[in-house]
Every structure is written in structure tokens, then in C-alpha cells.
Amino acid sequence: MSEPSFRMIPGAPRPVAPFSHVVEVDGWLFLTGQMPTFPDDPDKPLPEGVEAQTRRTMDNLILVLEGVGADLSHVVQARVYLTRFERDYAAMNEAYRSYFPPGRLPARTCVGVSGLAVGALVEIDMVARRTG
């Protein structure tokens, strides 16, 4: 096993806690959960509603993936955390699904939680694998 590479990605959102944006080991990419914050203005209010927050979160994950030369086609697993599970599950799923082509959805777990950093409605983390 190679040594892990701990990476912070220029242009990705400012961390809200002590973490690396991504850790890579042996071609595996472990992406820290992203929030619906704006990379260019982390103090800007979060988008309104879970659909907009899901899109902002997915766009942030794309920034992290691009920062290590990967994209959503490399994602094999995702975890989604929702603070208002019953209310927001369907809308989050609709927004989330739009980022992947049919038949190419990563394995996924979605759980309801009592709270998230910065008052977010959603947080998503991912595991990806470089091919070749």
C-alpha cells in the first residue's frame, strides 16, 4: 500500500472543520463531506431549499474531484446526510440523480441527522476510484 496523500484543493470551499478535501491512497479517493457553501464567498448565505443546497453541494464535490484530475464517473459510493429527512428526501434525490447518467449511479447511503455544520440541510461525501 502506498502512503496516503492528503490534499487541499485550491478553489474548493473553505473547510468548516479540520480536514483534508480528499485523501488518496492506491488510486482510491476519499472525499470529505461537502456543504452547500459558496467557494468564492464562504460567508454568503446558503442557497434556499434542499434542491438548491444539493446542487451546490454536488458542484463543490465536482470541484474537489477536478482538483485531483477525476470526475463523477470515478465515484463508486456516496453518503448523504439530511437534517429534514422526511420532508427533503424526494427533492434531494431528484437533484442528486441529475448529476449521473442512467445506469451509472454510485452505491449510496442516505441518513437523517439532527444537525449539520453551518446550518445546512444536506451534506454529501464520496469515495471514488481512479481507473487505469
N, C-alpha and C. Protein backbone atom coordinates (compact mmCIF):
# COMPACT_ATOMS: atom_id res chain seq x y z
N MET A 1 0.85 -1.18 0.00
CA MET A 1 0.00 0.00 0.00
C MET A 1 0.89 1.23 0.00
N SER A 2 0.54 2.21 -0.84
CA SER A 2 1.30 3.45 -0.89
C SER A 2 0.91 4.35 0.28
N GLU A 3 1.72 5.36 0.51
CA GLU A 3 1.41 6.34 1.56
C GLU A 3 0.22 7.19 1.14
N PRO A 4 -0.68 7.51 2.04
CA PRO A 4 -1.80 8.38 1.71
C PRO A 4 -1.31 9.79 1.36
N SER A 5 -2.02 10.40 0.42
CA SER A 5 -1.76 11.79 0.03
C SER A 5 -2.94 12.62 0.53
N PHE A 6 -2.65 13.59 1.38
CA PHE A 6 -3.67 14.45 1.98
C PHE A 6 -3.69 15.75 1.20
N ARG A 7 -4.83 16.08 0.57
CA ARG A 7 -4.87 17.20 -0.36
C ARG A 7 -5.92 18.24 0.01
N MET A 8 -5.52 19.48 -0.10
CA MET A 8 -6.44 20.61 -0.07
C MET A 8 -6.49 21.13 -1.50
N ILE A 9 -7.68 21.41 -2.00
CA ILE A 9 -7.87 21.77 -3.40
C ILE A 9 -8.07 23.28 -3.53
N PRO A 10 -7.16 23.97 -4.22
CA PRO A 10 -7.37 25.40 -4.46
C PRO A 10 -8.69 25.64 -5.20
N GLY A 11 -9.46 26.60 -4.74
CA GLY A 11 -10.74 26.91 -5.36
C GLY A 11 -11.91 26.13 -4.81
N ALA A 12 -11.64 25.09 -4.02
CA ALA A 12 -12.73 24.34 -3.38
C ALA A 12 -13.17 25.10 -2.13
N PRO A 13 -14.32 24.77 -1.59
CA PRO A 13 -14.83 25.51 -0.42
C PRO A 13 -13.86 25.50 0.76
N ARG A 14 -13.88 26.58 1.50
CA ARG A 14 -13.09 26.67 2.73
C ARG A 14 -13.60 25.65 3.73
N PRO A 15 -12.71 24.90 4.35
CA PRO A 15 -13.15 23.89 5.33
C PRO A 15 -13.89 24.53 6.51
N VAL A 16 -14.92 23.83 6.98
CA VAL A 16 -15.67 24.28 8.15
C VAL A 16 -15.22 23.53 9.40
N ALA A 17 -14.21 22.66 9.23
CA ALA A 17 -13.66 21.86 10.33
C ALA A 17 -12.24 21.43 9.92
N PRO A 18 -11.48 20.81 10.82
CA PRO A 18 -10.13 20.38 10.44
C PRO A 18 -10.18 19.09 9.61
N PHE A 19 -9.96 19.21 8.31
CA PHE A 19 -9.95 18.05 7.42
C PHE A 19 -9.21 18.38 6.13
N SER A 20 -8.88 17.34 5.37
CA SER A 20 -8.39 17.47 4.00
C SER A 20 -9.59 17.34 3.08
N HIS A 21 -9.56 18.03 1.94
CA HIS A 21 -10.65 17.89 0.98
C HIS A 21 -10.74 16.46 0.47
N VAL A 22 -9.57 15.86 0.24
CA VAL A 22 -9.52 14.50 -0.30
C VAL A 22 -8.24 13.82 0.18
N VAL A 23 -8.37 12.55 0.45
CA VAL A 23 -7.21 11.71 0.77
C VAL A 23 -7.17 10.62 -0.29
N GLU A 24 -5.98 10.46 -0.89
CA GLU A 24 -5.83 9.44 -1.92
C GLU A 24 -4.83 8.39 -1.45
N VAL A 25 -5.19 7.14 -1.68
CA VAL A 25 -4.28 6.03 -1.39
C VAL A 25 -4.57 4.92 -2.41
N ASP A 26 -3.54 4.49 -3.11
CA ASP A 26 -3.64 3.40 -4.09
C ASP A 26 -4.77 3.61 -5.10
N GLY A 27 -4.95 4.84 -5.56
CA GLY A 27 -5.97 5.14 -6.55
C GLY A 27 -7.36 5.37 -5.99
N TRP A 28 -7.53 5.14 -4.70
CA TRP A 28 -8.82 5.41 -4.04
C TRP A 28 -8.84 6.85 -3.58
N LEU A 29 -9.94 7.54 -3.81
CA LEU A 29 -10.13 8.94 -3.42
C LEU A 29 -11.25 9.01 -2.39
N PHE A 30 -10.93 9.50 -1.21
CA PHE A 30 -11.90 9.64 -0.14
C PHE A 30 -12.18 11.12 0.04
N LEU A 31 -13.37 11.55 -0.40
CA LEU A 31 -13.73 12.97 -0.36
C LEU A 31 -14.48 13.28 0.92
N THR A 32 -13.99 14.28 1.62
CA THR A 32 -14.68 14.75 2.82
C THR A 32 -16.05 15.28 2.43
N GLY A 33 -17.02 15.11 3.32
CA GLY A 33 -18.35 15.63 3.07
C GLY A 33 -18.31 17.11 2.77
N GLN A 34 -19.01 17.50 1.71
CA GLN A 34 -19.09 18.90 1.33
C GLN A 34 -20.45 19.47 1.74
N MET A 35 -20.41 20.76 2.00
CA MET A 35 -21.59 21.51 2.40
C MET A 35 -22.03 22.39 1.24
N PRO A 36 -23.21 22.98 1.32
CA PRO A 36 -23.68 23.86 0.23
C PRO A 36 -23.17 25.30 0.35
N THR A 37 -21.89 25.44 0.70
CA THR A 37 -21.30 26.78 0.79
C THR A 37 -20.74 27.18 -0.56
N PHE A 38 -20.53 28.47 -0.74
CA PHE A 38 -20.02 29.00 -2.00
C PHE A 38 -18.50 29.14 -1.91
N PRO A 39 -17.76 28.49 -2.81
CA PRO A 39 -16.30 28.54 -2.74
C PRO A 39 -15.73 29.95 -2.81
N ASP A 40 -16.36 30.80 -3.62
CA ASP A 40 -15.84 32.16 -3.80
C ASP A 40 -16.29 33.13 -2.71
N ASP A 41 -17.27 32.73 -1.90
CA ASP A 41 -17.77 33.60 -0.83
C ASP A 41 -18.34 32.73 0.28
N PRO A 42 -17.47 32.15 1.13
CA PRO A 42 -17.93 31.19 2.14
C PRO A 42 -18.87 31.79 3.19
N ASP A 43 -18.93 33.11 3.28
CA ASP A 43 -19.82 33.74 4.25
C ASP A 43 -21.18 34.10 3.66
N LYS A 44 -21.36 33.87 2.37
CA LYS A 44 -22.63 34.12 1.70
C LYS A 44 -23.68 33.17 2.28
N PRO A 45 -24.91 33.63 2.44
CA PRO A 45 -25.97 32.72 2.94
C PRO A 45 -26.11 31.48 2.04
N LEU A 46 -26.45 30.37 2.66
CA LEU A 46 -26.65 29.13 1.91
C LEU A 46 -27.83 29.26 0.96
N PRO A 47 -27.82 28.50 -0.14
CA PRO A 47 -28.98 28.51 -1.04
C PRO A 47 -30.24 28.10 -0.29
N GLU A 48 -31.37 28.58 -0.76
CA GLU A 48 -32.66 28.26 -0.14
C GLU A 48 -33.15 26.90 -0.62
N GLY A 49 -33.52 26.04 0.31
CA GLY A 49 -34.15 24.77 -0.01
C GLY A 49 -33.16 23.65 -0.28
N VAL A 50 -33.62 22.43 -0.08
CA VAL A 50 -32.73 21.28 -0.19
C VAL A 50 -32.30 21.01 -1.63
N GLU A 51 -33.14 21.29 -2.61
CA GLU A 51 -32.73 21.05 -4.00
C GLU A 51 -31.56 21.95 -4.37
N ALA A 52 -31.65 23.23 -4.09
CA ALA A 52 -30.55 24.16 -4.38
C ALA A 52 -29.31 23.82 -3.55
N GLN A 53 -29.51 23.42 -2.31
CA GLN A 53 -28.36 23.05 -1.48
C GLN A 53 -27.71 21.76 -1.99
N THR A 54 -28.51 20.82 -2.47
CA THR A 54 -27.94 19.59 -3.03
C THR A 54 -27.11 19.91 -4.26
N ARG A 55 -27.61 20.77 -5.12
CA ARG A 55 -26.87 21.15 -6.33
C ARG A 55 -25.55 21.85 -5.97
N ARG A 56 -25.59 22.76 -5.01
CA ARG A 56 -24.37 23.47 -4.61
C ARG A 56 -23.37 22.47 -4.00
N THR A 57 -23.86 21.53 -3.21
CA THR A 57 -23.00 20.52 -2.60
C THR A 57 -22.37 19.63 -3.68
N MET A 58 -23.16 19.19 -4.64
CA MET A 58 -22.62 18.36 -5.73
C MET A 58 -21.60 19.15 -6.55
N ASP A 59 -21.88 20.41 -6.81
CA ASP A 59 -20.92 21.24 -7.55
C ASP A 59 -19.61 21.38 -6.77
N ASN A 60 -19.70 21.47 -5.44
CA ASN A 60 -18.49 21.53 -4.62
C ASN A 60 -17.71 20.22 -4.69
N LEU A 61 -18.40 19.10 -4.69
CA LEU A 61 -17.74 17.80 -4.82
C LEU A 61 -17.06 17.69 -6.18
N ILE A 62 -17.68 18.21 -7.21
CA ILE A 62 -17.07 18.21 -8.55
C ILE A 62 -15.78 19.02 -8.54
N LEU A 63 -15.77 20.16 -7.87
CA LEU A 63 -14.54 20.96 -7.75
C LEU A 63 -13.42 20.16 -7.10
N VAL A 64 -13.75 19.42 -6.06
CA VAL A 64 -12.74 18.61 -5.38
C VAL A 64 -12.24 17.50 -6.31
N LEU A 65 -13.15 16.81 -6.97
CA LEU A 65 -12.76 15.76 -7.91
C LEU A 65 -11.87 16.32 -9.02
N GLU A 66 -12.27 17.43 -9.60
CA GLU A 66 -11.48 18.04 -10.67
C GLU A 66 -10.09 18.43 -10.17
N GLY A 67 -10.01 18.81 -8.91
CA GLY A 67 -8.72 19.20 -8.33
C GLY A 67 -7.71 18.08 -8.27
N VAL A 68 -8.18 16.84 -8.37
CA VAL A 68 -7.27 15.68 -8.39
C VAL A 68 -7.36 14.94 -9.72
N GLY A 69 -7.90 15.61 -10.74
CA GLY A 69 -7.96 15.01 -12.08
C GLY A 69 -8.98 13.92 -12.23
N ALA A 70 -10.07 13.99 -11.48
CA ALA A 70 -11.13 12.98 -11.55
C ALA A 70 -12.47 13.69 -11.83
N ASP A 71 -13.52 12.91 -11.96
CA ASP A 71 -14.86 13.46 -12.15
C ASP A 71 -15.88 12.48 -11.57
N LEU A 72 -17.15 12.80 -11.74
CA LEU A 72 -18.20 11.97 -11.14
C LEU A 72 -18.23 10.54 -11.69
N SER A 73 -17.67 10.32 -12.88
CA SER A 73 -17.65 8.96 -13.42
C SER A 73 -16.75 8.03 -12.60
N HIS A 74 -15.88 8.60 -11.77
CA HIS A 74 -15.00 7.82 -10.91
C HIS A 74 -15.63 7.46 -9.56
N VAL A 75 -16.78 8.06 -9.25
CA VAL A 75 -17.41 7.87 -7.94
C VAL A 75 -18.05 6.49 -7.87
N VAL A 76 -17.73 5.75 -6.80
CA VAL A 76 -18.30 4.42 -6.61
C VAL A 76 -19.25 4.36 -5.42
N GLN A 77 -19.16 5.35 -4.52
CA GLN A 77 -20.01 5.33 -3.33
C GLN A 77 -20.22 6.75 -2.83
N ALA A 78 -21.41 7.01 -2.31
CA ALA A 78 -21.73 8.32 -1.72
C ALA A 78 -22.55 8.11 -0.46
N ARG A 79 -22.40 9.05 0.47
CA ARG A 79 -23.24 9.10 1.66
C ARG A 79 -23.87 10.48 1.70
N VAL A 80 -25.17 10.50 1.94
CA VAL A 80 -25.93 11.75 2.02
C VAL A 80 -26.50 11.86 3.42
N TYR A 81 -26.38 13.05 3.98
CA TYR A 81 -26.91 13.34 5.31
C TYR A 81 -27.95 14.44 5.16
N LEU A 82 -29.14 14.22 5.70
CA LEU A 82 -30.23 15.19 5.62
C LEU A 82 -30.73 15.53 7.01
N THR A 83 -30.93 16.82 7.27
CA THR A 83 -31.46 17.22 8.57
C THR A 83 -32.98 17.12 8.63
N ARG A 84 -33.65 17.16 7.48
CA ARG A 84 -35.12 17.06 7.42
C ARG A 84 -35.46 15.91 6.47
N PHE A 85 -35.15 14.70 6.90
CA PHE A 85 -35.20 13.52 6.05
C PHE A 85 -36.57 13.35 5.37
N GLU A 86 -37.62 13.27 6.15
CA GLU A 86 -38.95 13.01 5.58
C GLU A 86 -39.35 14.10 4.58
N ARG A 87 -39.10 15.33 4.91
CA ARG A 87 -39.50 16.45 4.05
C ARG A 87 -38.65 16.54 2.79
N ASP A 88 -37.35 16.28 2.92
CA ASP A 88 -36.41 16.64 1.84
C ASP A 88 -35.91 15.47 1.00
N TYR A 89 -36.21 14.25 1.39
CA TYR A 89 -35.63 13.08 0.71
C TYR A 89 -35.93 13.06 -0.79
N ALA A 90 -37.18 13.24 -1.18
CA ALA A 90 -37.54 13.16 -2.61
C ALA A 90 -36.88 14.27 -3.42
N ALA A 91 -36.92 15.49 -2.92
CA ALA A 91 -36.32 16.62 -3.66
C ALA A 91 -34.80 16.46 -3.76
N MET A 92 -34.17 16.01 -2.70
CA MET A 92 -32.71 15.78 -2.75
C MET A 92 -32.40 14.72 -3.80
N ASN A 93 -33.18 13.62 -3.80
CA ASN A 93 -32.94 12.55 -4.77
C ASN A 93 -33.05 13.04 -6.21
N GLU A 94 -34.02 13.88 -6.48
CA GLU A 94 -34.20 14.40 -7.84
C GLU A 94 -32.99 15.21 -8.27
N ALA A 95 -32.51 16.10 -7.41
CA ALA A 95 -31.34 16.91 -7.74
C ALA A 95 -30.10 16.03 -7.87
N TYR A 96 -29.89 15.13 -6.92
CA TYR A 96 -28.73 14.25 -6.91
C TYR A 96 -28.67 13.40 -8.18
N ARG A 97 -29.79 12.77 -8.52
CA ARG A 97 -29.86 11.87 -9.67
C ARG A 97 -29.47 12.58 -10.97
N SER A 98 -29.76 13.87 -11.08
CA SER A 98 -29.49 14.61 -12.31
C SER A 98 -27.99 14.73 -12.62
N TYR A 99 -27.13 14.43 -11.69
CA TYR A 99 -25.69 14.52 -11.89
C TYR A 99 -25.06 13.25 -12.48
N PHE A 100 -25.84 12.19 -12.59
CA PHE A 100 -25.30 10.91 -13.06
C PHE A 100 -26.12 10.40 -14.24
N PRO A 101 -25.45 9.78 -15.22
CA PRO A 101 -26.22 9.20 -16.32
C PRO A 101 -27.00 7.97 -15.86
N PRO A 102 -28.10 7.65 -16.54
CA PRO A 102 -28.87 6.46 -16.17
C PRO A 102 -27.97 5.22 -16.16
N GLY A 103 -28.19 4.38 -15.17
CA GLY A 103 -27.43 3.15 -15.07
C GLY A 103 -26.03 3.31 -14.49
N ARG A 104 -25.65 4.53 -14.06
CA ARG A 104 -24.31 4.79 -13.53
C ARG A 104 -24.37 5.45 -12.16
N LEU A 105 -25.36 5.07 -11.36
CA LEU A 105 -25.49 5.64 -10.02
C LEU A 105 -24.55 4.93 -9.05
N PRO A 106 -23.78 5.69 -8.27
CA PRO A 106 -22.91 5.06 -7.27
C PRO A 106 -23.74 4.36 -6.20
N ALA A 107 -23.12 3.40 -5.51
CA ALA A 107 -23.74 2.85 -4.31
C ALA A 107 -23.95 4.03 -3.36
N ARG A 108 -25.01 4.00 -2.55
CA ARG A 108 -25.29 5.17 -1.72
C ARG A 108 -26.03 4.80 -0.45
N THR A 109 -25.73 5.56 0.59
CA THR A 109 -26.46 5.51 1.84
C THR A 109 -26.98 6.92 2.10
N CYS A 110 -28.20 7.03 2.61
CA CYS A 110 -28.76 8.34 2.96
C CYS A 110 -29.34 8.22 4.36
N VAL A 111 -28.93 9.11 5.24
CA VAL A 111 -29.40 9.06 6.62
C VAL A 111 -29.89 10.42 7.08
N GLY A 112 -30.85 10.38 7.99
CA GLY A 112 -31.31 11.58 8.65
C GLY A 112 -30.44 11.87 9.86
N VAL A 113 -30.10 13.14 10.05
CA VAL A 113 -29.25 13.56 11.16
C VAL A 113 -29.91 14.73 11.88
N SER A 114 -29.49 14.96 13.10
CA SER A 114 -30.11 16.03 13.89
C SER A 114 -29.56 17.42 13.56
N GLY A 115 -28.42 17.49 12.92
CA GLY A 115 -27.86 18.79 12.55
C GLY A 115 -26.61 18.64 11.73
N LEU A 116 -26.28 19.69 10.97
CA LEU A 116 -25.07 19.73 10.16
C LEU A 116 -24.39 21.07 10.36
N ALA A 117 -23.10 21.13 10.08
CA ALA A 117 -22.35 22.38 10.18
C ALA A 117 -22.98 23.46 9.31
N VAL A 118 -22.79 24.66 9.68
CA VAL A 118 -23.27 25.89 9.02
C VAL A 118 -24.78 25.92 8.79
N GLY A 119 -25.53 25.09 9.51
CA GLY A 119 -26.98 25.08 9.37
C GLY A 119 -27.48 24.49 8.07
N ALA A 120 -26.65 23.69 7.42
CA ALA A 120 -27.01 23.10 6.12
C ALA A 120 -28.12 22.07 6.27
N LEU A 121 -28.86 21.89 5.19
CA LEU A 121 -29.89 20.86 5.12
C LEU A 121 -29.32 19.54 4.62
N VAL A 122 -28.18 19.60 3.91
CA VAL A 122 -27.60 18.41 3.28
C VAL A 122 -26.08 18.47 3.31
N GLU A 123 -25.47 17.30 3.43
CA GLU A 123 -24.03 17.12 3.29
C GLU A 123 -23.83 15.81 2.54
N ILE A 124 -22.84 15.78 1.66
CA ILE A 124 -22.57 14.57 0.88
C ILE A 124 -21.07 14.31 0.88
N ASP A 125 -20.69 13.05 1.15
CA ASP A 125 -19.29 12.66 0.97
C ASP A 125 -19.24 11.54 -0.07
N MET A 126 -18.06 11.26 -0.58
CA MET A 126 -17.92 10.29 -1.66
C MET A 126 -16.62 9.50 -1.55
N VAL A 127 -16.66 8.33 -2.19
CA VAL A 127 -15.45 7.54 -2.43
C VAL A 127 -15.39 7.34 -3.94
N ALA A 128 -14.21 7.58 -4.50
CA ALA A 128 -14.02 7.41 -5.94
C ALA A 128 -12.79 6.54 -6.17
N ARG A 129 -12.66 6.04 -7.38
CA ARG A 129 -11.52 5.17 -7.73
C ARG A 129 -11.02 5.59 -9.10
N ARG A 130 -9.75 5.87 -9.16
CA ARG A 130 -9.14 6.17 -10.45
C ARG A 130 -9.11 4.88 -11.28
N THR A 131 -9.35 4.99 -12.56
CA THR A 131 -9.30 3.83 -13.44
C THR A 131 -7.99 3.84 -14.21
N GLY A 132 -7.55 2.67 -14.57
CA GLY A 132 -6.34 2.53 -15.38
C GLY A 132 -5.17 2.85 -14.59
